[in-house]
Every structure is written in structure tokens, then in C-alpha cells.
Amino acid sequence: MKRKSIYKIILRVLLFCLVWRLACTAGAITAVTAYLVFRAACFLLRVCLSAFYALCVALLFLLLLSLLSI
């Protein structure tokens, strides 16, 4: 198994334990809401980082292109 896969499994187990504990103490609706907010934040972070990476690659390409034209 790759190290990244192991980290994902550990993170999911910890998240499940956190949601389970929250559901036991605060109620199921609060736990489900917290889980949905967490997943939405992860998705938005992944999308924003992907867009930022694409922008950096495009700027690097333009920089290299401008250096070739000098």
C-alpha cells in the first residue's frame, strides 16, 4: 500500500470516530451537517488548488515563452 492510501484510511477512520462522537453527544442532524460542511470544504479546497496550479503552470509557460523570444 502506498503511504498516501494509508493516510487517507487513517483520516477517514478519525473522521468517522469524530462524527460518531458528535452524533452521540449533539444529535444526528448536527453530525450530518458537520460532515457535509467538511466534505464541501475539502471539495472547494481541491478545486481551488487545482485552479491555482493550472494558473501557475500557465504563467510559467508564458514566462519561458517570453524568455525564448528575447
PDB file of N, CA and C in Angstrom:
ATOM      1  N   MET A   1       0.826  -1.190   0.000  1.00  0.00           N
ATOM      2  CA  MET A   1       0.000   0.000   0.000  1.00  0.00           C
ATOM      3  C   MET A   1       0.866   1.249   0.000  1.00  0.00           C
ATOM      4  N   LYS A   2       0.410   2.233  -0.714  1.00  0.00           N
ATOM      5  CA  LYS A   2       1.150   3.483  -0.730  1.00  0.00           C
ATOM      6  C   LYS A   2       0.892   4.259   0.551  1.00  0.00           C
ATOM      7  N   ARG A   3       1.811   5.118   0.868  1.00  0.00           N
ATOM      8  CA  ARG A   3       1.701   5.914   2.095  1.00  0.00           C
ATOM      9  C   ARG A   3       0.470   6.823   2.046  1.00  0.00           C
ATOM     10  N   LYS A   4       0.174   7.370   0.864  1.00  0.00           N
ATOM     11  CA  LYS A   4      -0.968   8.268   0.723  1.00  0.00           C
ATOM     12  C   LYS A   4      -2.275   7.525   1.005  1.00  0.00           C
ATOM     13  N   SER A   5      -2.371   6.276   0.557  1.00  0.00           N
ATOM     14  CA  SER A   5      -3.571   5.478   0.802  1.00  0.00           C
ATOM     15  C   SER A   5      -3.747   5.197   2.288  1.00  0.00           C
ATOM     16  N   ILE A   6      -2.654   4.938   2.965  1.00  0.00           N
ATOM     17  CA  ILE A   6      -2.724   4.680   4.403  1.00  0.00           C
ATOM     18  C   ILE A   6      -3.191   5.930   5.138  1.00  0.00           C
ATOM     19  N   TYR A   7      -2.670   7.094   4.733  1.00  0.00           N
ATOM     20  CA  TYR A   7      -3.091   8.347   5.363  1.00  0.00           C
ATOM     21  C   TYR A   7      -4.571   8.618   5.126  1.00  0.00           C
ATOM     22  N   LYS A   8      -5.060   8.311   3.926  1.00  0.00           N
ATOM     23  CA  LYS A   8      -6.479   8.512   3.634  1.00  0.00           C
ATOM     24  C   LYS A   8      -7.345   7.614   4.510  1.00  0.00           C
ATOM     25  N   ILE A   9      -6.934   6.371   4.686  1.00  0.00           N
ATOM     26  CA  ILE A   9      -7.694   5.443   5.519  1.00  0.00           C
ATOM     27  C   ILE A   9      -7.713   5.920   6.965  1.00  0.00           C
ATOM     28  N   ILE A  10      -6.562   6.355   7.460  1.00  0.00           N
ATOM     29  CA  ILE A  10      -6.489   6.846   8.842  1.00  0.00           C
ATOM     30  C   ILE A  10      -7.357   8.089   9.006  1.00  0.00           C
ATOM     31  N   LEU A  11      -7.316   9.001   8.032  1.00  0.00           N
ATOM     32  CA  LEU A  11      -8.126  10.203   8.105  1.00  0.00           C
ATOM     33  C   LEU A  11      -9.614   9.864   8.103  1.00  0.00           C
ATOM     34  N   ARG A  12     -10.024   8.919   7.284  1.00  0.00           N
ATOM     35  CA  ARG A  12     -11.437   8.530   7.242  1.00  0.00           C
ATOM     36  C   ARG A  12     -11.884   7.877   8.544  1.00  0.00           C
ATOM     37  N   VAL A  13     -11.021   7.060   9.133  1.00  0.00           N
ATOM     38  CA  VAL A  13     -11.364   6.436  10.415  1.00  0.00           C
ATOM     39  C   VAL A  13     -11.497   7.498  11.500  1.00  0.00           C
ATOM     40  N   LEU A  14     -10.567   8.441  11.539  1.00  0.00           N
ATOM     41  CA  LEU A  14     -10.656   9.515  12.532  1.00  0.00           C
ATOM     42  C   LEU A  14     -11.890  10.379  12.316  1.00  0.00           C
ATOM     43  N   LEU A  15     -12.199  10.664  11.058  1.00  0.00           N
ATOM     44  CA  LEU A  15     -13.389  11.450  10.755  1.00  0.00           C
ATOM     45  C   LEU A  15     -14.654  10.696  11.161  1.00  0.00           C
ATOM     46  N   PHE A  16     -14.691   9.391  10.906  1.00  0.00           N
ATOM     47  CA  PHE A  16     -15.839   8.597  11.309  1.00  0.00           C
ATOM     48  C   PHE A  16     -16.002   8.594  12.825  1.00  0.00           C
ATOM     49  N   CYS A  17     -14.896   8.465  13.550  1.00  0.00           N
ATOM     50  CA  CYS A  17     -14.958   8.496  15.019  1.00  0.00           C
ATOM     51  C   CYS A  17     -15.448   9.852  15.522  1.00  0.00           C
ATOM     52  N   LEU A  18     -14.981  10.924  14.881  1.00  0.00           N
ATOM     53  CA  LEU A  18     -15.406  12.260  15.277  1.00  0.00           C
ATOM     54  C   LEU A  18     -16.898  12.459  15.026  1.00  0.00           C
ATOM     55  N   VAL A  19     -17.365  12.029  13.865  1.00  0.00           N
ATOM     56  CA  VAL A  19     -18.787  12.165  13.536  1.00  0.00           C
ATOM     57  C   VAL A  19     -19.627  11.305  14.473  1.00  0.00           C
ATOM     58  N   TRP A  20     -19.166  10.095  14.781  1.00  0.00           N
ATOM     59  CA  TRP A  20     -19.893   9.211  15.687  1.00  0.00           C
ATOM     60  C   TRP A  20     -20.004   9.838  17.077  1.00  0.00           C
ATOM     61  N   ARG A  21     -18.907  10.403  17.542  1.00  0.00           N
ATOM     62  CA  ARG A  21     -18.913  11.045  18.864  1.00  0.00           C
ATOM     63  C   ARG A  21     -19.828  12.262  18.883  1.00  0.00           C
ATOM     64  N   LEU A  22     -19.788  13.043  17.800  1.00  0.00           N
ATOM     65  CA  LEU A  22     -20.653  14.205  17.694  1.00  0.00           C
ATOM     66  C   LEU A  22     -22.117  13.791  17.619  1.00  0.00           C
ATOM     67  N   ALA A  23     -22.397  12.709  16.923  1.00  0.00           N
ATOM     68  CA  ALA A  23     -23.773  12.229  16.820  1.00  0.00           C
ATOM     69  C   ALA A  23     -24.289  11.750  18.174  1.00  0.00           C
ATOM     70  N   CYS A  24     -23.426  11.164  18.961  1.00  0.00           N
ATOM     71  CA  CYS A  24     -23.842  10.674  20.279  1.00  0.00           C
ATOM     72  C   CYS A  24     -24.105  11.822  21.248  1.00  0.00           C
ATOM     73  N   THR A  25     -23.337  12.886  21.149  1.00  0.00           N
ATOM     74  CA  THR A  25     -23.472  13.971  22.124  1.00  0.00           C
ATOM     75  C   THR A  25     -24.381  15.091  21.646  1.00  0.00           C
ATOM     76  N   ALA A  26     -24.301  15.475  20.383  1.00  0.00           N
ATOM     77  CA  ALA A  26     -25.027  16.650  19.913  1.00  0.00           C
ATOM     78  C   ALA A  26     -26.278  16.307  19.116  1.00  0.00           C
ATOM     79  N   GLY A  27     -26.361  15.111  18.623  1.00  0.00           N
ATOM     80  CA  GLY A  27     -27.503  14.730  17.803  1.00  0.00           C
ATOM     81  C   GLY A  27     -27.085  14.425  16.384  1.00  0.00           C
ATOM     82  N   ALA A  28     -27.898  13.637  15.730  1.00  0.00           N
ATOM     83  CA  ALA A  28     -27.562  13.165  14.386  1.00  0.00           C
ATOM     84  C   ALA A  28     -27.573  14.295  13.360  1.00  0.00           C
ATOM     85  N   ILE A  29     -28.487  15.223  13.479  1.00  0.00           N
ATOM     86  CA  ILE A  29     -28.574  16.302  12.496  1.00  0.00           C
ATOM     87  C   ILE A  29     -27.314  17.168  12.529  1.00  0.00           C
ATOM     88  N   THR A  30     -26.820  17.460  13.715  1.00  0.00           N
ATOM     89  CA  THR A  30     -25.593  18.257  13.837  1.00  0.00           C
ATOM     90  C   THR A  30     -24.408  17.515  13.245  1.00  0.00           C
ATOM     91  N   ALA A  31     -24.328  16.221  13.482  1.00  0.00           N
ATOM     92  CA  ALA A  31     -23.216  15.433  12.950  1.00  0.00           C
ATOM     93  C   ALA A  31     -23.259  15.367  11.428  1.00  0.00           C
ATOM     94  N   VAL A  32     -24.438  15.168  10.881  1.00  0.00           N
ATOM     95  CA  VAL A  32     -24.566  15.108   9.418  1.00  0.00           C
ATOM     96  C   VAL A  32     -24.225  16.466   8.805  1.00  0.00           C
ATOM     97  N   THR A  33     -24.683  17.545   9.430  1.00  0.00           N
ATOM     98  CA  THR A  33     -24.379  18.887   8.931  1.00  0.00           C
ATOM     99  C   THR A  33     -22.881  19.154   8.975  1.00  0.00           C
ATOM    100  N   ALA A  34     -22.237  18.795  10.077  1.00  0.00           N
ATOM    101  CA  ALA A  34     -20.792  19.000  10.186  1.00  0.00           C
ATOM    102  C   ALA A  34     -20.040  18.194   9.136  1.00  0.00           C
ATOM    103  N   TYR A  35     -20.478  16.973   8.892  1.00  0.00           N
ATOM    104  CA  TYR A  35     -19.829  16.132   7.890  1.00  0.00           C
ATOM    105  C   TYR A  35     -19.998  16.731   6.486  1.00  0.00           C
ATOM    106  N   LEU A  36     -21.195  17.201   6.177  1.00  0.00           N
ATOM    107  CA  LEU A  36     -21.433  17.784   4.856  1.00  0.00           C
ATOM    108  C   LEU A  36     -20.625  19.064   4.647  1.00  0.00           C
ATOM    109  N   VAL A  37     -20.514  19.882   5.681  1.00  0.00           N
ATOM    110  CA  VAL A  37     -19.703  21.098   5.578  1.00  0.00           C
ATOM    111  C   VAL A  37     -18.236  20.740   5.373  1.00  0.00           C
ATOM    112  N   PHE A  38     -17.765  19.727   6.096  1.00  0.00           N
ATOM    113  CA  PHE A  38     -16.375  19.296   5.942  1.00  0.00           C
ATOM    114  C   PHE A  38     -16.104  18.792   4.530  1.00  0.00           C
ATOM    115  N   ARG A  39     -16.995  17.985   3.987  1.00  0.00           N
ATOM    116  CA  ARG A  39     -16.801  17.455   2.633  1.00  0.00           C
ATOM    117  C   ARG A  39     -16.856  18.574   1.599  1.00  0.00           C
ATOM    118  N   ALA A  40     -17.757  19.536   1.776  1.00  0.00           N
ATOM    119  CA  ALA A  40     -17.842  20.659   0.844  1.00  0.00           C
ATOM    120  C   ALA A  40     -16.565  21.497   0.896  1.00  0.00           C
ATOM    121  N   ALA A  41     -16.034  21.702   2.091  1.00  0.00           N
ATOM    122  CA  ALA A  41     -14.796  22.464   2.226  1.00  0.00           C
ATOM    123  C   ALA A  41     -13.631  21.733   1.559  1.00  0.00           C
ATOM    124  N   CYS A  42     -13.561  20.425   1.720  1.00  0.00           N
ATOM    125  CA  CYS A  42     -12.498  19.641   1.062  1.00  0.00           C
ATOM    126  C   CYS A  42     -12.615  19.737  -0.456  1.00  0.00           C
ATOM    127  N   PHE A  43     -13.839  19.644  -0.964  1.00  0.00           N
ATOM    128  CA  PHE A  43     -14.052  19.724  -2.407  1.00  0.00           C
ATOM    129  C   PHE A  43     -13.645  21.092  -2.941  1.00  0.00           C
ATOM    130  N   LEU A  44     -14.071  22.162  -2.258  1.00  0.00           N
ATOM    131  CA  LEU A  44     -13.726  23.505  -2.709  1.00  0.00           C
ATOM    132  C   LEU A  44     -12.229  23.757  -2.633  1.00  0.00           C
ATOM    133  N   LEU A  45     -11.592  23.238  -1.592  1.00  0.00           N
ATOM    134  CA  LEU A  45     -10.150  23.397  -1.474  1.00  0.00           C
ATOM    135  C   LEU A  45      -9.438  22.672  -2.612  1.00  0.00           C
ATOM    136  N   ARG A  46      -9.903  21.484  -2.954  1.00  0.00           N
ATOM    137  CA  ARG A  46      -9.288  20.724  -4.045  1.00  0.00           C
ATOM    138  C   ARG A  46      -9.462  21.468  -5.371  1.00  0.00           C
ATOM    139  N   VAL A  47     -10.648  22.022  -5.611  1.00  0.00           N
ATOM    140  CA  VAL A  47     -10.906  22.753  -6.850  1.00  0.00           C
ATOM    141  C   VAL A  47     -10.059  24.022  -6.907  1.00  0.00           C
ATOM    142  N   CYS A  48      -9.990  24.758  -5.794  1.00  0.00           N
ATOM    143  CA  CYS A  48      -9.204  25.999  -5.773  1.00  0.00           C
ATOM    144  C   CYS A  48      -7.721  25.719  -5.969  1.00  0.00           C
ATOM    145  N   LEU A  49      -7.221  24.650  -5.340  1.00  0.00           N
ATOM    146  CA  LEU A  49      -5.811  24.327  -5.513  1.00  0.00           C
ATOM    147  C   LEU A  49      -5.521  23.879  -6.936  1.00  0.00           C
ATOM    148  N   SER A  50      -6.455  23.163  -7.555  1.00  0.00           N
ATOM    149  CA  SER A  50      -6.264  22.745  -8.942  1.00  0.00           C
ATOM    150  C   SER A  50      -6.230  23.957  -9.865  1.00  0.00           C
ATOM    151  N   ALA A  51      -7.126  24.912  -9.625  1.00  0.00           N
ATOM    152  CA  ALA A  51      -7.141  26.125 -10.451  1.00  0.00           C
ATOM    153  C   ALA A  51      -5.862  26.931 -10.235  1.00  0.00           C
ATOM    154  N   PHE A  52      -5.396  27.022  -9.003  1.00  0.00           N
ATOM    155  CA  PHE A  52      -4.162  27.744  -8.705  1.00  0.00           C
ATOM    156  C   PHE A  52      -2.970  27.066  -9.376  1.00  0.00           C
ATOM    157  N   TYR A  53      -2.932  25.748  -9.356  1.00  0.00           N
ATOM    158  CA  TYR A  53      -1.857  25.004 -10.003  1.00  0.00           C
ATOM    159  C   TYR A  53      -1.864  25.250 -11.513  1.00  0.00           C
ATOM    160  N   ALA A  54      -3.040  25.228 -12.119  1.00  0.00           N
ATOM    161  CA  ALA A  54      -3.147  25.466 -13.558  1.00  0.00           C
ATOM    162  C   ALA A  54      -2.700  26.887 -13.911  1.00  0.00           C
ATOM    163  N   LEU A  55      -3.052  27.844 -13.069  1.00  0.00           N
ATOM    164  CA  LEU A  55      -2.635  29.222 -13.299  1.00  0.00           C
ATOM    165  C   LEU A  55      -1.118  29.357 -13.206  1.00  0.00           C
ATOM    166  N   CYS A  56      -0.510  28.703 -12.235  1.00  0.00           N
ATOM    167  CA  CYS A  56       0.953  28.760 -12.088  1.00  0.00           C
ATOM    168  C   CYS A  56       1.654  28.123 -13.277  1.00  0.00           C
ATOM    169  N   VAL A  57       1.130  27.005 -13.755  1.00  0.00           N
ATOM    170  CA  VAL A  57       1.729  26.351 -14.916  1.00  0.00           C
ATOM    171  C   VAL A  57       1.608  27.239 -16.154  1.00  0.00           C
ATOM    172  N   ALA A  58       0.461  27.885 -16.324  1.00  0.00           N
ATOM    173  CA  ALA A  58       0.280  28.776 -17.468  1.00  0.00           C
ATOM    174  C   ALA A  58       1.232  29.972 -17.392  1.00  0.00           C
ATOM    175  N   LEU A  59       1.392  30.534 -16.202  1.00  0.00           N
ATOM    176  CA  LEU A  59       2.317  31.661 -16.049  1.00  0.00           C
ATOM    177  C   LEU A  59       3.767  31.238 -16.294  1.00  0.00           C
ATOM    178  N   LEU A  60       4.124  30.065 -15.842  1.00  0.00           N
ATOM    179  CA  LEU A  60       5.467  29.560 -16.088  1.00  0.00           C
ATOM    180  C   LEU A  60       5.698  29.352 -17.580  1.00  0.00           C
ATOM    181  N   PHE A  61       4.707  28.819 -18.273  1.00  0.00           N
ATOM    182  CA  PHE A  61       4.819  28.628 -19.713  1.00  0.00           C
ATOM    183  C   PHE A  61       4.995  29.966 -20.430  1.00  0.00           C
ATOM    184  N   LEU A  62       4.200  30.965 -20.040  1.00  0.00           N
ATOM    185  CA  LEU A  62       4.322  32.283 -20.663  1.00  0.00           C
ATOM    186  C   LEU A  62       5.673  32.919 -20.354  1.00  0.00           C
ATOM    187  N   LEU A  63       6.185  32.721 -19.150  1.00  0.00           N
ATOM    188  CA  LEU A  63       7.488  33.245 -18.800  1.00  0.00           C
ATOM    189  C   LEU A  63       8.580  32.609 -19.647  1.00  0.00           C
ATOM    190  N   LEU A  64       8.530  31.298 -19.793  1.00  0.00           N
ATOM    191  CA  LEU A  64       9.516  30.613 -20.620  1.00  0.00           C
ATOM    192  C   LEU A  64       9.400  31.037 -22.091  1.00  0.00           C
ATOM    193  N   LEU A  65       8.165  31.225 -22.557  1.00  0.00           N
ATOM    194  CA  LEU A  65       7.959  31.667 -23.921  1.00  0.00           C
ATOM    195  C   LEU A  65       8.526  33.068 -24.134  1.00  0.00           C
ATOM    196  N   SER A  66       8.350  33.939 -23.149  1.00  0.00           N
ATOM    197  CA  SER A  66       8.891  35.289 -23.282  1.00  0.00           C
ATOM    198  C   SER A  66      10.418  35.277 -23.231  1.00  0.00           C
ATOM    199  N   LEU A  67      10.997  34.366 -22.466  1.00  0.00           N
ATOM    200  CA  LEU A  67      12.465  34.267 -22.427  1.00  0.00           C
ATOM    201  C   LEU A  67      13.020  33.766 -23.766  1.00  0.00           C
ATOM    202  N   LEU A  68      12.280  32.914 -24.433  1.00  0.00           N
ATOM    203  CA  LEU A  68      12.732  32.420 -25.736  1.00  0.00           C
ATOM    204  C   LEU A  68      12.660  33.502 -26.814  1.00  0.00           C
ATOM    205  N   SER A  69      11.723  34.412 -26.671  1.00  0.00           N
ATOM    206  CA  SER A  69      11.567  35.446 -27.693  1.00  0.00           C
ATOM    207  C   SER A  69      12.546  36.602 -27.526  1.00  0.00           C
ATOM    208  N   ILE A  70      13.250  36.661 -26.412  1.00  0.00           N
ATOM    209  CA  ILE A  70      14.207  37.758 -26.178  1.00  0.00           C
ATOM    210  C   ILE A  70      15.470  37.531 -26.971  1.00  0.00           C
TER     211      ILE A  70
END
